[in-house]
């Protein structure tokens, strides 16, 4: 993985927050990320597609829902950076994390 492309992919607030949310919850559905970040489906999907294109995330379709998680073949250095960022920057995405958790536990969630 090219480090320059990796950091370019993360240099957007929506993509970075999405990624950190996914790391904190192990996986997340598009609908829950939409709720957490107050974005429409098209915009959320576009950002997630970019993270997938950069080989940072993988997706899995379950019925009509698509779930995202860290790519299992992500280089260790990239994995460590992402996990460390999620661990040490709660203030950056905590309100979005609370919305995500609320969405995931709602009966209308995609689970």
N, C-alpha and C. Protein backbone atom coordinates (compact mmCIF):
# COMPACT_ATOMS: atom_id res chain seq x y z
N UNK A 1 0.84 -1.18 0.00
CA UNK A 1 0.00 0.00 0.00
C UNK A 1 0.89 1.24 0.00
N UNK A 2 0.58 2.14 -0.88
CA UNK A 2 1.31 3.40 -1.00
C UNK A 2 0.92 4.33 0.14
N UNK A 3 1.87 4.73 1.00
CA UNK A 3 1.54 5.59 2.14
C UNK A 3 0.90 6.92 1.73
N UNK A 4 1.33 7.49 0.60
CA UNK A 4 0.77 8.76 0.15
C UNK A 4 -0.72 8.60 -0.18
N UNK A 5 -1.07 7.54 -0.90
CA UNK A 5 -2.47 7.28 -1.22
C UNK A 5 -3.29 6.98 0.03
N UNK A 6 -2.69 6.26 0.96
CA UNK A 6 -3.35 5.94 2.23
C UNK A 6 -3.75 7.22 2.96
N UNK A 7 -2.80 8.13 3.12
CA UNK A 7 -3.09 9.36 3.85
C UNK A 7 -4.01 10.30 3.07
N UNK A 8 -3.90 10.29 1.74
CA UNK A 8 -4.85 11.09 0.94
C UNK A 8 -6.27 10.59 1.15
N UNK A 9 -6.42 9.29 1.22
CA UNK A 9 -7.74 8.70 1.40
C UNK A 9 -8.34 9.08 2.76
N UNK A 10 -7.49 9.26 3.75
CA UNK A 10 -7.97 9.61 5.09
C UNK A 10 -8.07 11.12 5.31
N UNK A 11 -7.68 11.91 4.33
CA UNK A 11 -7.62 13.37 4.49
C UNK A 11 -8.97 14.04 4.24
N UNK A 12 -10.04 13.37 4.59
CA UNK A 12 -11.38 13.92 4.46
C UNK A 12 -12.11 13.60 5.77
N UNK A 13 -12.80 14.58 6.34
CA UNK A 13 -13.46 14.38 7.64
C UNK A 13 -14.46 13.23 7.61
N UNK A 14 -15.25 13.15 6.57
CA UNK A 14 -16.27 12.10 6.50
C UNK A 14 -15.64 10.72 6.43
N UNK A 15 -14.63 10.57 5.57
CA UNK A 15 -13.98 9.27 5.45
C UNK A 15 -13.25 8.90 6.75
N UNK A 16 -12.57 9.86 7.35
CA UNK A 16 -11.84 9.57 8.59
C UNK A 16 -12.79 9.21 9.72
N UNK A 17 -13.84 10.00 9.90
CA UNK A 17 -14.80 9.69 10.97
C UNK A 17 -15.48 8.34 10.71
N UNK A 18 -15.84 8.08 9.48
CA UNK A 18 -16.45 6.78 9.15
C UNK A 18 -15.53 5.64 9.54
N UNK A 19 -14.28 5.78 9.17
CA UNK A 19 -13.30 4.74 9.46
C UNK A 19 -13.12 4.54 10.96
N UNK A 20 -13.01 5.63 11.70
CA UNK A 20 -12.84 5.53 13.15
C UNK A 20 -14.07 4.91 13.81
N UNK A 21 -15.25 5.23 13.32
CA UNK A 21 -16.47 4.62 13.83
C UNK A 21 -16.50 3.13 13.57
N UNK A 22 -16.09 2.74 12.39
CA UNK A 22 -16.05 1.32 12.04
C UNK A 22 -15.06 0.58 12.93
N UNK A 23 -13.90 1.19 13.18
CA UNK A 23 -12.90 0.56 14.04
C UNK A 23 -13.45 0.38 15.46
N UNK A 24 -14.12 1.40 15.98
CA UNK A 24 -14.65 1.33 17.35
C UNK A 24 -15.75 0.29 17.51
N UNK A 25 -16.49 0.00 16.43
CA UNK A 25 -17.61 -0.93 16.52
C UNK A 25 -17.36 -2.24 15.78
N UNK A 26 -16.17 -2.43 15.26
CA UNK A 26 -15.76 -3.61 14.49
C UNK A 26 -16.34 -3.66 13.08
N UNK A 27 -17.60 -3.26 12.92
CA UNK A 27 -18.20 -3.15 11.61
C UNK A 27 -19.40 -2.22 11.73
N UNK A 28 -19.80 -1.66 10.60
CA UNK A 28 -20.96 -0.77 10.60
C UNK A 28 -21.66 -0.84 9.25
N UNK A 29 -22.96 -0.67 9.31
CA UNK A 29 -23.80 -0.66 8.12
C UNK A 29 -23.90 0.78 7.61
N UNK A 30 -24.11 0.91 6.32
CA UNK A 30 -24.27 2.22 5.71
C UNK A 30 -25.36 3.02 6.42
N UNK A 31 -26.49 2.37 6.73
CA UNK A 31 -27.61 3.10 7.35
C UNK A 31 -27.22 3.66 8.72
N UNK A 32 -26.43 2.92 9.49
CA UNK A 32 -26.00 3.41 10.80
C UNK A 32 -24.98 4.54 10.67
N UNK A 33 -24.10 4.44 9.69
CA UNK A 33 -23.13 5.51 9.46
C UNK A 33 -23.83 6.78 8.97
N UNK A 34 -24.87 6.62 8.16
CA UNK A 34 -25.66 7.77 7.72
C UNK A 34 -26.25 8.50 8.93
N UNK A 35 -26.81 7.73 9.85
CA UNK A 35 -27.41 8.31 11.05
C UNK A 35 -26.35 8.99 11.92
N UNK A 36 -25.21 8.37 12.05
CA UNK A 36 -24.14 8.90 12.90
C UNK A 36 -23.56 10.21 12.38
N UNK A 37 -23.46 10.31 11.05
CA UNK A 37 -22.81 11.47 10.45
C UNK A 37 -23.78 12.44 9.78
N UNK A 38 -25.07 12.16 9.90
CA UNK A 38 -26.11 13.02 9.33
C UNK A 38 -25.89 13.26 7.82
N UNK A 39 -25.68 12.17 7.09
CA UNK A 39 -25.45 12.25 5.65
C UNK A 39 -26.49 11.42 4.91
N UNK A 40 -26.74 11.78 3.66
CA UNK A 40 -27.64 10.97 2.85
C UNK A 40 -26.91 9.74 2.34
N UNK A 41 -27.68 8.79 1.83
CA UNK A 41 -27.12 7.50 1.41
C UNK A 41 -26.10 7.65 0.29
N UNK A 42 -26.37 8.50 -0.67
CA UNK A 42 -25.45 8.65 -1.81
C UNK A 42 -24.09 9.17 -1.37
N UNK A 43 -24.09 10.18 -0.52
CA UNK A 43 -22.82 10.76 -0.07
C UNK A 43 -22.05 9.76 0.80
N UNK A 44 -22.77 9.08 1.70
CA UNK A 44 -22.12 8.10 2.58
C UNK A 44 -21.51 6.97 1.76
N UNK A 45 -22.28 6.46 0.81
CA UNK A 45 -21.79 5.36 -0.03
C UNK A 45 -20.59 5.77 -0.86
N UNK A 46 -20.58 7.00 -1.34
CA UNK A 46 -19.45 7.49 -2.13
C UNK A 46 -18.17 7.50 -1.30
N UNK A 47 -18.27 7.97 -0.05
CA UNK A 47 -17.08 8.00 0.82
C UNK A 47 -16.62 6.59 1.17
N UNK A 48 -17.55 5.70 1.45
CA UNK A 48 -17.19 4.33 1.77
C UNK A 48 -16.57 3.63 0.57
N UNK A 49 -17.08 3.93 -0.61
CA UNK A 49 -16.50 3.35 -1.83
C UNK A 49 -15.04 3.79 -2.01
N UNK A 50 -14.75 5.03 -1.66
CA UNK A 50 -13.37 5.52 -1.75
C UNK A 50 -12.47 4.76 -0.77
N UNK A 51 -12.94 4.53 0.44
CA UNK A 51 -12.15 3.76 1.42
C UNK A 51 -11.97 2.32 0.95
N UNK A 52 -12.96 1.78 0.28
CA UNK A 52 -12.85 0.43 -0.28
C UNK A 52 -11.85 0.42 -1.44
N UNK A 53 -11.91 1.43 -2.27
CA UNK A 53 -10.99 1.54 -3.41
C UNK A 53 -9.54 1.65 -2.95
N UNK A 54 -9.33 2.30 -1.82
CA UNK A 54 -7.98 2.43 -1.24
C UNK A 54 -7.56 1.16 -0.50
N UNK A 55 -8.40 0.14 -0.49
CA UNK A 55 -8.14 -1.14 0.20
C UNK A 55 -8.02 -1.00 1.71
N UNK A 56 -8.73 -0.01 2.25
CA UNK A 56 -8.74 0.18 3.70
C UNK A 56 -9.92 -0.58 4.31
N UNK A 57 -11.04 -0.62 3.60
CA UNK A 57 -12.24 -1.32 4.05
C UNK A 57 -12.63 -2.41 3.07
N UNK A 58 -13.37 -3.38 3.58
CA UNK A 58 -14.07 -4.35 2.74
C UNK A 58 -15.55 -4.24 3.09
N UNK A 59 -16.37 -4.68 2.15
CA UNK A 59 -17.81 -4.64 2.40
C UNK A 59 -18.39 -6.04 2.28
N UNK A 60 -19.54 -6.21 2.92
CA UNK A 60 -20.26 -7.47 2.86
C UNK A 60 -21.75 -7.16 2.79
N UNK A 61 -22.38 -7.66 1.75
CA UNK A 61 -23.83 -7.45 1.58
C UNK A 61 -24.57 -8.51 2.39
N UNK A 62 -25.54 -8.04 3.17
CA UNK A 62 -26.43 -8.93 3.93
C UNK A 62 -27.85 -8.48 3.63
N UNK A 63 -28.47 -9.18 2.71
CA UNK A 63 -29.79 -8.77 2.25
C UNK A 63 -29.66 -7.46 1.50
N UNK A 64 -30.43 -6.47 1.92
CA UNK A 64 -30.35 -5.16 1.26
C UNK A 64 -29.34 -4.23 1.92
N UNK A 65 -28.69 -4.67 2.98
CA UNK A 65 -27.75 -3.83 3.71
C UNK A 65 -26.31 -4.17 3.35
N UNK A 66 -25.45 -3.18 3.43
CA UNK A 66 -24.02 -3.38 3.18
C UNK A 66 -23.26 -2.97 4.44
N UNK A 67 -22.45 -3.89 4.96
CA UNK A 67 -21.66 -3.67 6.16
C UNK A 67 -20.20 -3.50 5.78
N UNK A 68 -19.50 -2.66 6.52
CA UNK A 68 -18.09 -2.38 6.25
C UNK A 68 -17.26 -2.69 7.48
N UNK A 69 -16.05 -3.18 7.21
CA UNK A 69 -15.07 -3.41 8.27
C UNK A 69 -13.67 -3.24 7.68
N UNK A 70 -12.67 -3.17 8.58
CA UNK A 70 -11.29 -3.01 8.11
C UNK A 70 -10.91 -4.18 7.20
N UNK A 71 -10.15 -3.85 6.19
CA UNK A 71 -9.67 -4.89 5.27
C UNK A 71 -8.72 -5.81 6.04
N UNK A 72 -8.94 -7.13 5.98
CA UNK A 72 -8.08 -8.05 6.74
C UNK A 72 -6.64 -8.08 6.25
N UNK A 73 -6.39 -7.63 5.02
CA UNK A 73 -5.02 -7.63 4.49
C UNK A 73 -4.38 -6.25 4.55
N UNK A 74 -4.94 -5.37 5.36
CA UNK A 74 -4.37 -4.04 5.55
C UNK A 74 -2.97 -4.21 6.15
N UNK A 75 -1.97 -3.53 5.60
CA UNK A 75 -0.62 -3.65 6.17
C UNK A 75 -0.63 -3.27 7.67
N UNK A 76 0.21 -3.92 8.43
CA UNK A 76 0.23 -3.71 9.88
C UNK A 76 0.45 -2.25 10.25
N UNK A 77 1.33 -1.55 9.52
CA UNK A 77 1.60 -0.16 9.85
C UNK A 77 0.34 0.69 9.67
N UNK A 78 -0.44 0.41 8.62
CA UNK A 78 -1.67 1.17 8.37
C UNK A 78 -2.72 0.82 9.42
N UNK A 79 -2.84 -0.46 9.74
CA UNK A 79 -3.77 -0.90 10.78
C UNK A 79 -3.45 -0.21 12.10
N UNK A 80 -2.17 -0.19 12.47
CA UNK A 80 -1.76 0.42 13.74
C UNK A 80 -2.09 1.92 13.79
N UNK A 81 -1.90 2.62 12.69
CA UNK A 81 -2.21 4.05 12.63
C UNK A 81 -3.71 4.28 12.84
N UNK A 82 -4.53 3.50 12.16
CA UNK A 82 -5.98 3.66 12.26
C UNK A 82 -6.46 3.34 13.68
N UNK A 83 -6.02 2.24 14.23
CA UNK A 83 -6.44 1.83 15.57
C UNK A 83 -5.97 2.85 16.61
N UNK A 84 -4.75 3.32 16.47
CA UNK A 84 -4.24 4.33 17.40
C UNK A 84 -5.03 5.64 17.30
N UNK A 85 -5.36 6.04 16.09
CA UNK A 85 -6.16 7.26 15.91
C UNK A 85 -7.53 7.11 16.57
N UNK A 86 -8.15 5.94 16.43
CA UNK A 86 -9.45 5.70 17.05
C UNK A 86 -9.35 5.69 18.57
N UNK A 87 -8.27 5.16 19.07
CA UNK A 87 -8.08 5.04 20.53
C UNK A 87 -7.81 6.39 21.19
N UNK A 88 -7.09 7.26 20.51
CA UNK A 88 -6.61 8.50 21.13
C UNK A 88 -7.33 9.77 20.70
N UNK A 89 -8.42 9.66 19.98
CA UNK A 89 -9.10 10.86 19.48
C UNK A 89 -10.61 10.81 19.69
N UNK A 90 -11.03 10.35 20.86
CA UNK A 90 -12.46 10.23 21.15
C UNK A 90 -13.21 11.54 20.93
N UNK A 91 -12.63 12.65 21.31
CA UNK A 91 -13.31 13.94 21.20
C UNK A 91 -13.65 14.27 19.74
N UNK A 92 -12.85 13.78 18.81
CA UNK A 92 -13.05 14.07 17.39
C UNK A 92 -14.33 13.45 16.85
N UNK A 93 -14.70 12.28 17.37
CA UNK A 93 -15.85 11.58 16.79
C UNK A 93 -16.81 10.99 17.82
N UNK A 94 -16.71 11.42 19.09
CA UNK A 94 -17.53 10.83 20.14
C UNK A 94 -19.03 11.04 19.93
N UNK A 95 -19.44 12.24 19.51
CA UNK A 95 -20.88 12.46 19.32
C UNK A 95 -21.41 11.58 18.19
N UNK A 96 -20.63 11.41 17.14
CA UNK A 96 -21.02 10.52 16.03
C UNK A 96 -21.07 9.07 16.51
N UNK A 97 -20.15 8.69 17.39
CA UNK A 97 -20.14 7.33 17.92
C UNK A 97 -21.40 7.06 18.73
N UNK A 98 -21.81 8.03 19.52
CA UNK A 98 -23.04 7.86 20.31
C UNK A 98 -24.25 7.70 19.40
N UNK A 99 -24.31 8.49 18.33
CA UNK A 99 -25.41 8.36 17.36
C UNK A 99 -25.37 6.99 16.68
N UNK A 100 -24.18 6.52 16.35
CA UNK A 100 -24.03 5.21 15.71
C UNK A 100 -24.52 4.10 16.64
N UNK A 101 -24.11 4.15 17.89
CA UNK A 101 -24.52 3.14 18.87
C UNK A 101 -26.04 3.16 19.05
N UNK A 102 -26.62 4.35 19.11
CA UNK A 102 -28.06 4.48 19.23
C UNK A 102 -28.75 3.89 18.01
N UNK A 103 -28.23 4.18 16.83
CA UNK A 103 -28.80 3.65 15.60
C UNK A 103 -28.70 2.13 15.55
N UNK A 104 -27.55 1.60 15.94
CA UNK A 104 -27.35 0.15 15.91
C UNK A 104 -28.28 -0.58 16.87
N UNK A 105 -28.62 0.06 17.97
CA UNK A 105 -29.48 -0.60 18.96
C UNK A 105 -30.97 -0.36 18.71
N UNK A 106 -31.30 0.53 17.79
CA UNK A 106 -32.71 0.81 17.46
C UNK A 106 -33.33 -0.38 16.74
N UNK A 107 -34.61 -0.55 16.93
CA UNK A 107 -35.29 -1.68 16.30
C UNK A 107 -35.37 -1.51 14.77
N UNK A 108 -35.19 -0.28 14.29
CA UNK A 108 -35.23 -0.06 12.84
C UNK A 108 -33.85 -0.19 12.19
N UNK A 109 -32.87 -0.54 13.00
CA UNK A 109 -31.51 -0.68 12.50
C UNK A 109 -31.44 -1.78 11.45
N UNK A 110 -30.36 -1.78 10.69
CA UNK A 110 -30.19 -2.75 9.61
C UNK A 110 -29.75 -4.12 10.10
N UNK A 111 -29.71 -4.34 11.35
CA UNK A 111 -29.31 -5.65 11.88
C UNK A 111 -30.49 -6.59 11.95
